[in-house]
Protein backbone atom coordinates (compact mmCIF):
# COMPACT_ATOMS: atom_id res chain seq x y z
CA UNK A 1 22.53 117.35 149.59
CA UNK A 2 18.94 117.49 148.43
CA UNK A 3 18.01 118.42 144.92
CA UNK A 4 16.64 121.73 146.14
CA UNK A 5 20.05 122.62 147.59
CA UNK A 6 21.66 122.20 144.18
CA UNK A 7 21.96 125.52 142.27
CA UNK A 8 21.09 123.73 139.03
CA UNK A 9 17.91 122.39 140.61
CA UNK A 10 16.97 125.86 141.87
CA UNK A 11 17.49 127.18 138.35
CA UNK A 12 15.27 124.43 137.01
CA UNK A 13 12.59 125.27 139.58
CA UNK A 14 12.68 128.89 138.43
CA UNK A 15 11.62 128.08 134.88
CA UNK A 16 9.72 124.84 135.43
CA UNK A 17 7.55 125.98 138.35
CA UNK A 18 7.92 129.61 139.38
CA UNK A 19 7.53 131.29 135.99
CA UNK A 20 4.50 129.16 135.01
CA UNK A 21 3.04 129.95 138.44
CA UNK A 22 3.33 133.67 137.68
CA UNK A 23 1.43 133.11 134.43
CA UNK A 24 -1.29 131.15 136.22
CA UNK A 25 -1.83 133.74 138.92
CA UNK A 26 -1.50 136.65 136.50
CA UNK A 27 -4.46 135.16 134.67
CA UNK A 28 -6.32 134.58 137.92
CA UNK A 29 -5.56 138.13 139.02
CA UNK A 30 -6.92 139.57 135.80
CA UNK A 31 -10.19 137.77 136.50
CA UNK A 32 -10.55 138.93 140.14
CA UNK A 33 -12.32 142.25 139.43
CA UNK A 34 -13.94 140.89 136.26
CA UNK A 35 -15.76 137.67 137.14
CA UNK A 36 -18.17 139.08 139.77
CA UNK A 37 -19.20 141.89 137.42
CA UNK A 38 -19.29 139.56 134.40
CA UNK A 39 -21.61 137.19 136.27
CA UNK A 40 -23.76 140.09 137.51
CA UNK A 41 -24.20 141.14 133.86
CA UNK A 42 -26.45 138.08 133.38
CA UNK A 43 -28.85 139.77 135.86
CA UNK A 44 -28.75 136.97 138.42
CA UNK A 45 -28.98 136.90 142.22
CA UNK A 46 -26.09 137.16 144.67
CA UNK A 47 -26.55 133.44 145.33
CA UNK A 48 -25.97 132.55 141.68
CA UNK A 49 -23.03 134.95 141.47
CA UNK A 50 -21.52 133.11 144.44
CA UNK A 51 -22.16 129.79 142.68
CA UNK A 52 -20.39 130.98 139.53
CA UNK A 53 -17.41 132.23 141.53
CA UNK A 54 -17.28 128.95 143.47
CA UNK A 55 -17.48 126.79 140.34
CA UNK A 56 -13.74 126.75 139.69
CA UNK A 57 -13.04 125.72 143.27
CA UNK A 58 -15.72 123.04 142.97
CA UNK A 59 -14.04 121.64 139.85
CA UNK A 60 -10.71 121.67 141.67
CA UNK A 61 -12.28 119.91 144.62
CA UNK A 62 -13.61 117.14 142.39
CA UNK A 63 -10.25 116.63 140.66
CA UNK A 64 -7.79 116.89 143.59
CA UNK A 65 -7.77 113.26 144.72
CA UNK A 66 -7.88 111.70 141.22
CA UNK A 67 -4.95 113.93 140.22
CA UNK A 68 -2.94 112.78 143.24
CA UNK A 69 -3.40 109.24 142.00
CA UNK A 70 -2.85 109.57 138.24
CA UNK A 71 0.36 111.59 138.53
CA UNK A 72 2.18 108.41 139.59
CA UNK A 73 1.30 106.81 136.27
CA UNK A 74 1.59 109.77 133.92
CA UNK A 75 4.23 111.89 135.64
CA UNK A 76 4.24 115.53 136.71
CA UNK A 77 4.93 117.07 133.33
CA UNK A 78 2.11 115.36 131.44
CA UNK A 79 -0.45 116.18 134.12
CA UNK A 80 0.71 119.82 134.31
CA UNK A 81 0.44 120.20 130.53
CA UNK A 82 -3.04 118.70 130.48
CA UNK A 83 -4.07 121.03 133.30
CA UNK A 84 -2.82 124.11 131.46
CA UNK A 85 -4.61 123.15 128.24
CA UNK A 86 -7.91 122.54 130.02
CA UNK A 87 -7.67 125.88 131.85
CA UNK A 88 -6.75 127.87 128.74
CA UNK A 89 -9.59 126.48 126.62
CA UNK A 90 -12.19 126.94 129.36
CA UNK A 91 -11.34 130.61 129.95
CA UNK A 92 -11.23 131.47 126.23
CA UNK A 93 -14.72 130.05 125.76
CA UNK A 94 -16.05 132.51 128.36
CA UNK A 95 -15.64 135.20 125.72
CA UNK A 96 -18.54 133.76 123.69
CA UNK A 97 -20.69 132.27 126.49
CA UNK A 98 -24.34 133.35 126.33
CA UNK A 99 -25.82 131.30 129.18
CA UNK A 100 -24.98 131.50 132.86
CA UNK A 101 -25.03 127.70 133.04
CA UNK A 102 -22.47 127.48 130.24
CA UNK A 103 -20.35 129.89 132.30
CA UNK A 104 -20.78 127.61 135.32
CA UNK A 105 -19.63 124.53 133.38
CA UNK A 106 -16.63 126.37 131.94
CA UNK A 107 -15.54 127.54 135.39
CA UNK A 108 -16.00 123.99 136.68
CA UNK A 109 -13.75 122.74 133.88
CA UNK A 110 -11.19 125.42 134.68
CA UNK A 111 -11.06 124.09 138.23
CA UNK A 112 -10.26 120.61 136.96
CA UNK A 113 -7.31 122.03 135.05
CA UNK A 114 -6.21 123.99 138.09
CA UNK A 115 -6.18 120.80 140.20
CA UNK A 116 -4.15 118.90 137.62
CA UNK A 117 -1.45 121.56 137.66
CA UNK A 118 -1.59 122.42 141.36
CA UNK A 119 -1.44 118.92 142.85
CA UNK A 120 1.40 117.83 140.55
CA UNK A 121 3.38 120.93 141.43
CA UNK A 122 2.78 120.43 145.17
CA UNK A 123 4.02 116.83 145.03
CA UNK A 124 7.09 117.88 143.04
CA UNK A 125 8.13 120.47 145.62
CA UNK A 126 7.45 118.16 148.57
CA UNK A 127 9.64 115.47 147.03
CA UNK A 128 12.56 117.71 146.17
CA UNK A 129 12.86 120.39 148.86
CA UNK A 130 14.60 119.86 152.20
CA UNK A 131 12.52 120.27 155.39
CA UNK A 132 14.40 123.35 156.63
CA UNK A 133 14.21 125.05 153.22
CA UNK A 134 10.65 123.99 152.48
CA UNK A 135 9.02 127.03 154.03
CA UNK A 136 11.18 129.43 152.02
CA UNK A 137 10.81 127.46 148.79
CA UNK A 138 7.03 127.22 149.03
CA UNK A 139 6.71 130.80 150.28
CA UNK A 140 8.68 131.83 147.20
CA UNK A 141 6.15 129.92 145.13
CA UNK A 142 3.46 131.81 146.99
CA UNK A 143 5.33 135.02 146.21
CA UNK A 144 5.32 134.27 142.49
CA UNK A 145 1.59 133.68 142.82
CA UNK A 146 1.16 137.05 144.46
CA UNK A 147 3.28 138.83 141.86
CA UNK A 148 0.84 137.73 139.18
CA UNK A 149 -2.04 138.59 141.46
CA UNK A 150 -0.67 142.09 142.00
CA UNK A 151 -0.32 142.93 138.32
CA UNK A 152 -3.42 141.08 137.16
CA UNK A 153 -6.35 142.98 138.72
CA UNK A 154 -5.13 146.35 137.43
CA UNK A 155 -4.68 144.88 133.94
CA UNK A 156 -8.12 143.29 134.12
CA UNK A 157 -9.76 146.55 135.17
CA UNK A 158 -8.03 148.61 132.47
CA UNK A 159 -8.70 146.10 129.68
CA UNK A 160 -12.36 145.75 130.69
CA UNK A 161 -12.83 149.52 130.89
CA UNK A 162 -11.26 150.00 127.45
CA UNK A 163 -12.55 146.99 125.48
CA UNK A 164 -15.48 145.55 127.40
CA UNK A 165 -16.02 143.13 130.26
CA UNK A 166 -15.27 140.04 128.10
CA UNK A 167 -11.98 141.23 126.61
CA UNK A 168 -9.84 140.13 129.60
CA UNK A 169 -10.67 136.48 128.86
CA UNK A 170 -8.60 136.67 125.68
CA UNK A 171 -5.69 138.17 127.60
CA UNK A 172 -5.90 135.41 130.22
CA UNK A 173 -5.83 132.75 127.48
CA UNK A 174 -2.66 134.25 125.97
CA UNK A 175 -0.98 134.47 129.36
CA UNK A 176 -1.83 130.83 130.05
CA UNK A 177 -0.31 129.80 126.72
CA UNK A 178 2.99 131.41 127.72
CA UNK A 179 2.98 129.41 130.95
CA UNK A 180 2.26 126.24 128.98
CA UNK A 181 5.36 126.83 126.85
CA UNK A 182 7.55 127.02 129.95
CA UNK A 183 6.13 123.72 131.21
CA UNK A 184 6.73 122.04 127.84
CA UNK A 185 10.34 123.21 127.44
CA UNK A 186 11.67 123.39 131.02
CA UNK A 187 9.86 120.87 133.20
CA UNK A 188 11.37 117.40 133.50
CA UNK A 189 8.96 114.51 133.76
CA UNK A 190 9.03 112.59 137.06
CA UNK A 191 6.86 109.81 138.39
CA UNK A 192 6.23 108.86 141.97
CA UNK A 193 7.94 105.75 143.26
CA UNK A 194 5.61 102.78 143.48
CA UNK A 195 5.67 99.02 143.43
CA UNK A 196 4.38 97.22 140.38
CA UNK A 197 1.10 96.23 142.01
CA UNK A 198 0.44 99.60 143.68
CA UNK A 199 -1.14 101.20 140.64
CA UNK A 200 -4.11 98.86 140.96
CA UNK A 201 -4.76 99.69 144.61
CA UNK A 202 -5.01 103.49 144.77
CA UNK A 203 -8.46 103.31 146.31
CA UNK A 204 -7.08 101.24 149.18
CA UNK A 205 -4.20 103.69 149.69
CA UNK A 206 -6.65 106.58 149.93
CA UNK A 207 -8.60 104.70 152.61
CA UNK A 208 -5.36 103.89 154.44
CA UNK A 209 -4.34 107.55 154.38
CA UNK A 210 -7.69 108.59 155.83
CA UNK A 211 -7.60 105.92 158.55
CA UNK A 212 -3.99 106.57 159.56
CA UNK A 213 -4.11 110.37 159.56
CA UNK A 214 -7.74 111.09 160.43
CA UNK A 215 -6.92 112.99 163.63
CA UNK A 216 -4.64 115.55 162.04
CA UNK A 217 -6.86 115.79 158.97
CA UNK A 218 -9.80 116.52 161.26
CA UNK A 219 -8.10 119.34 163.19
CA UNK A 220 -5.75 120.90 160.65
CA UNK A 221 -8.18 120.14 157.84
CA UNK A 222 -11.08 121.90 159.57
CA UNK A 223 -8.88 124.91 160.26
CA UNK A 224 -7.79 124.95 156.63
CA UNK A 225 -11.41 124.94 155.46
CA UNK A 226 -12.21 128.06 157.50
CA UNK A 227 -8.94 129.71 156.50
CA UNK A 228 -9.48 129.12 152.81
CA UNK A 229 -13.04 130.42 153.16
CA UNK A 230 -11.82 133.89 154.09
CA UNK A 231 -9.19 133.80 151.33
CA UNK A 232 -11.79 132.88 148.71
CA UNK A 233 -14.52 135.07 150.22
CA UNK A 234 -12.47 138.26 149.99
CA UNK A 235 -12.27 137.85 146.19
CA UNK A 236 -16.07 138.05 146.08
CA UNK A 237 -16.62 140.57 148.86
CA UNK A 238 -14.30 143.37 147.78
CA UNK A 239 -15.53 143.80 144.15
CA UNK A 240 -19.22 143.46 145.11
CA UNK A 241 -18.97 145.81 148.12
CA UNK A 242 -16.98 148.34 146.09
CA UNK A 243 -19.45 148.28 143.17
CA UNK A 244 -22.82 147.83 144.92
CA UNK A 245 -22.30 149.72 148.20
CA UNK A 246 -19.67 152.35 147.36
CA UNK A 247 -20.45 152.72 143.64
CA UNK A 248 -16.81 152.48 142.52
CA UNK A 249 -15.83 151.89 138.87
CA UNK A 250 -14.21 148.72 137.54
CA UNK A 251 -10.79 150.36 137.16
CA UNK A 252 -10.96 151.70 140.74
CA UNK A 253 -11.80 148.20 141.96
CA UNK A 254 -8.87 146.79 140.00
CA UNK A 255 -6.56 149.35 141.61
CA UNK A 256 -7.75 148.49 145.13
CA UNK A 257 -7.28 144.76 144.60
CA UNK A 258 -3.84 145.25 143.05
CA UNK A 259 -2.68 147.46 145.93
CA UNK A 260 -3.78 144.84 148.44
CA UNK A 261 -1.91 142.14 146.52
CA UNK A 262 1.21 144.37 146.37
CA UNK A 263 1.31 144.39 150.18
CA UNK A 264 0.55 140.68 150.14
CA UNK A 265 3.41 140.02 147.69
CA UNK A 266 5.96 142.02 149.68
CA UNK A 267 5.76 139.60 152.63
CA UNK A 268 6.41 136.19 151.08
CA UNK A 269 10.08 136.14 152.17
CA UNK A 270 9.03 137.11 155.69
CA UNK A 271 6.53 134.24 155.71
CA UNK A 272 9.18 131.74 154.61
CA UNK A 273 11.66 133.01 157.19
CA UNK A 274 9.08 132.77 159.98
CA UNK A 275 8.12 129.22 159.03
CA UNK A 276 11.66 127.90 158.75
CA UNK A 277 13.08 129.79 161.75
CA UNK A 278 10.37 129.77 164.41
CA UNK A 279 7.77 127.33 163.13
CA UNK A 280 4.82 127.11 160.77
CA UNK A 281 2.27 128.41 163.29
CA UNK A 282 4.17 131.70 163.75
CA UNK A 283 3.06 132.59 160.23
CA UNK A 284 -0.26 130.74 160.06
CA UNK A 285 -2.02 132.16 163.14
CA UNK A 286 -1.29 135.88 162.47
CA UNK A 287 -2.20 135.34 158.82
CA UNK A 288 -5.82 134.44 159.48
CA UNK A 289 -6.32 136.63 162.56
CA UNK A 290 -5.23 139.79 160.73
CA UNK A 291 -7.32 138.90 157.68
CA UNK A 292 -10.34 138.46 159.91
CA UNK A 293 -9.82 141.89 161.47
CA UNK A 294 -9.40 143.54 158.08
CA UNK A 295 -12.51 141.82 156.71
CA UNK A 296 -14.51 143.01 159.73
CA UNK A 297 -13.56 146.59 158.84
CA UNK A 298 -14.96 146.36 155.29
CA UNK A 299 -18.65 146.93 156.20
CA UNK A 300 -17.60 149.99 158.22
CA UNK A 301 -15.94 151.73 155.26
CA UNK A 302 -17.75 154.56 153.49
CA UNK A 303 -15.20 155.73 150.94
CA UNK A 304 -12.57 154.66 148.42
CA UNK A 305 -9.74 155.33 150.88
CA UNK A 306 -11.48 153.47 153.68
CA UNK A 307 -11.84 150.38 151.50
CA UNK A 308 -8.19 150.71 150.44
CA UNK A 309 -7.13 150.59 154.11
CA UNK A 310 -9.24 147.52 154.87
CA UNK A 311 -8.12 145.59 151.80
CA UNK A 312 -4.46 146.46 152.39
CA UNK A 313 -4.78 145.08 155.92
CA UNK A 314 -6.31 141.89 154.51
CA UNK A 315 -3.43 141.70 152.05
CA UNK A 316 -0.92 142.12 154.89
CA UNK A 317 -2.45 139.19 156.76
CA UNK A 318 -2.57 136.99 153.70
CA UNK A 319 1.04 137.83 152.89
CA UNK A 320 2.17 136.48 156.25
CA UNK A 321 0.55 133.20 155.25
CA UNK A 322 2.29 132.88 151.90
CA UNK A 323 2.72 129.16 151.22
CA UNK A 324 1.67 128.15 154.74
CA UNK A 325 -1.05 125.64 153.82
CA UNK A 326 1.16 124.01 151.20
CA UNK A 327 4.09 123.84 153.62
CA UNK A 328 1.96 122.36 156.39
CA UNK A 329 0.52 119.79 153.98
CA UNK A 330 4.00 118.84 152.76
CA UNK A 331 5.19 118.47 156.37
CA UNK A 332 2.27 116.24 157.28
CA UNK A 333 2.43 114.07 154.15
CA UNK A 334 4.01 110.57 154.52
CA UNK A 335 6.77 109.66 152.07
CA UNK A 336 5.16 106.40 151.00
CA UNK A 337 1.80 107.90 150.03
CA UNK A 338 2.54 111.58 149.48
CA UNK A 339 0.44 111.92 146.33
CA UNK A 340 -2.66 110.47 147.93
CA UNK A 341 -2.25 112.51 151.13
CA UNK A 342 -1.69 115.79 149.32
CA UNK A 343 -4.63 115.07 147.04
CA UNK A 344 -6.82 114.73 150.15
CA UNK A 345 -5.18 117.77 151.80
CA UNK A 346 -5.84 119.97 148.79
CA UNK A 347 -9.36 118.59 148.54
CA UNK A 348 -10.01 119.76 152.10
CA UNK A 349 -8.64 123.21 151.34
CA UNK A 350 -10.70 123.47 148.19
CA UNK A 351 -13.83 122.76 150.23
CA UNK A 352 -13.10 126.08 151.91
CA UNK A 353 -12.42 127.82 148.61
CA UNK A 354 -15.70 126.48 147.28
CA UNK A 355 -17.60 127.40 150.42
CA UNK A 356 -16.38 131.00 150.64
CA UNK A 357 -18.19 132.40 147.58
CA UNK A 358 -21.24 130.20 148.26
CA UNK A 359 -21.52 131.50 151.82
CA UNK A 360 -21.19 135.11 150.65
CA UNK A 361 -23.89 134.64 148.00
CA UNK A 362 -26.33 132.72 150.20
CA UNK A 363 -26.05 134.99 153.25
CA UNK A 364 -26.19 138.14 151.09
CA UNK A 365 -29.41 136.90 149.47
CA UNK A 366 -31.01 135.95 152.79
CA UNK A 367 -29.86 139.00 154.73
CA UNK A 368 -27.43 141.68 153.49
CA UNK A 369 -24.02 141.76 151.83
CA UNK A 370 -22.61 143.27 155.02
CA UNK A 371 -23.85 140.29 157.02
CA UNK A 372 -22.07 137.92 154.64
CA UNK A 373 -18.86 139.89 155.16
CA UNK A 374 -19.12 139.47 158.95
CA UNK A 375 -19.60 135.72 158.49
CA UNK A 376 -16.47 135.48 156.34
CA UNK A 377 -14.53 137.49 158.93
CA UNK A 378 -15.67 134.99 161.57
CA UNK A 379 -14.34 132.09 159.49
CA UNK A 380 -10.87 133.64 159.52
CA UNK A 381 -10.86 134.03 163.29
CA UNK A 382 -12.09 130.45 163.70
CA UNK A 383 -9.19 129.22 161.54
CA UNK A 384 -6.64 131.18 163.59
CA UNK A 385 -8.04 129.76 166.84
CA UNK A 386 -7.99 126.12 165.70
CA UNK A 387 -4.46 126.38 164.34
CA UNK A 388 -3.30 128.02 167.58
CA UNK A 389 -4.82 125.57 170.05
CA UNK A 390 -5.44 122.26 168.25
CA UNK A 391 -2.80 121.81 165.53
CA UNK A 392 0.77 120.72 166.48
CA UNK A 393 3.88 122.54 165.26
CA UNK A 394 5.17 120.43 162.37
CA UNK A 395 8.65 121.95 162.01
CA UNK A 396 9.82 120.72 165.42
CA UNK A 397 8.02 117.37 165.15
CA UNK A 398 9.45 116.64 161.70
CA UNK A 399 12.94 117.65 162.82
CA UNK A 400 12.78 115.24 165.78
CA UNK A 401 11.56 112.46 163.50
CA UNK A 402 14.40 113.10 161.04
CA UNK A 403 17.00 112.98 163.82
CA UNK A 404 15.70 109.69 165.18
């Protein structure tokens, strides 16, 4: 029996991982309708707005691989705590920031904290959850993420409308502190297994991982980049399109985003069931194809209700993909170098998260916001196509390997 099959372990996962995850994504959700408008308040171009919104993903990208290495020495709990502290401090300082470049640095720092928590959590689940329960367990984690994301945007919109655009940063800091307390009191510290001389050769292990798994990292990794681009791009597109094209208020934008996330949240159990019953690709391919279709509808909308329909469709697609990239990465990761592999895997995904806002900003500056939306829709369809035709089904392959 694996640890994840043990009821006590499931109870421990509830408080050590799932509840803190809700706090993290509640804070992120609060910022979804706020950050684009907050950045626009500095009277900067779409390109710079995209850079600000990509800064957190850039910080995460820079910290993914180092985090995958240091967690073996420090352990999951210490790295998670450090990540929470860094994220909390960086978001609180946004309340007093007076320069757009200070904002950029703070968002970059927030991304470092996000990587420290996220990679450690990913490794923990991969080590302790059985293959045929992994999809459900990680989809449940994705569901807790979406629960926070559903509640957050509406809270962010209401708080900003009542107390000003900077007030939500204080709320996010308090929410993060609650999550930190759960990590401190409920998470047990674990360290990856390693030989005594391995700690001095992490750089070699990273190179070995890249050499051994370059084919799957090239195909699945490229698809993940495009897939994460549409996921990150929608966070920029919807608030900017709603405000600049349709002229909607910040609380209306918060409502639209929250409704989309509600649909998204309602499907996490379906996503887990699909992955563990039929295979990972049965959830992954529809996820990005439907998101692409919904994104393509956004430039065609002319009203509040039209945008609600398009964003709900995007949320439906994303909900089918709850936990898919984490599950696929866990399936592909080798037991002997899981931390290094998952650090690289998350780095690849964060390239897409970084690129999404940057692409929206750059294309919107050069052409129109609507053109940028079409480009982001195209990235989603590209991801669906690569996953369908070029990436193997890991559930069946892993099951065969386990049996032999």
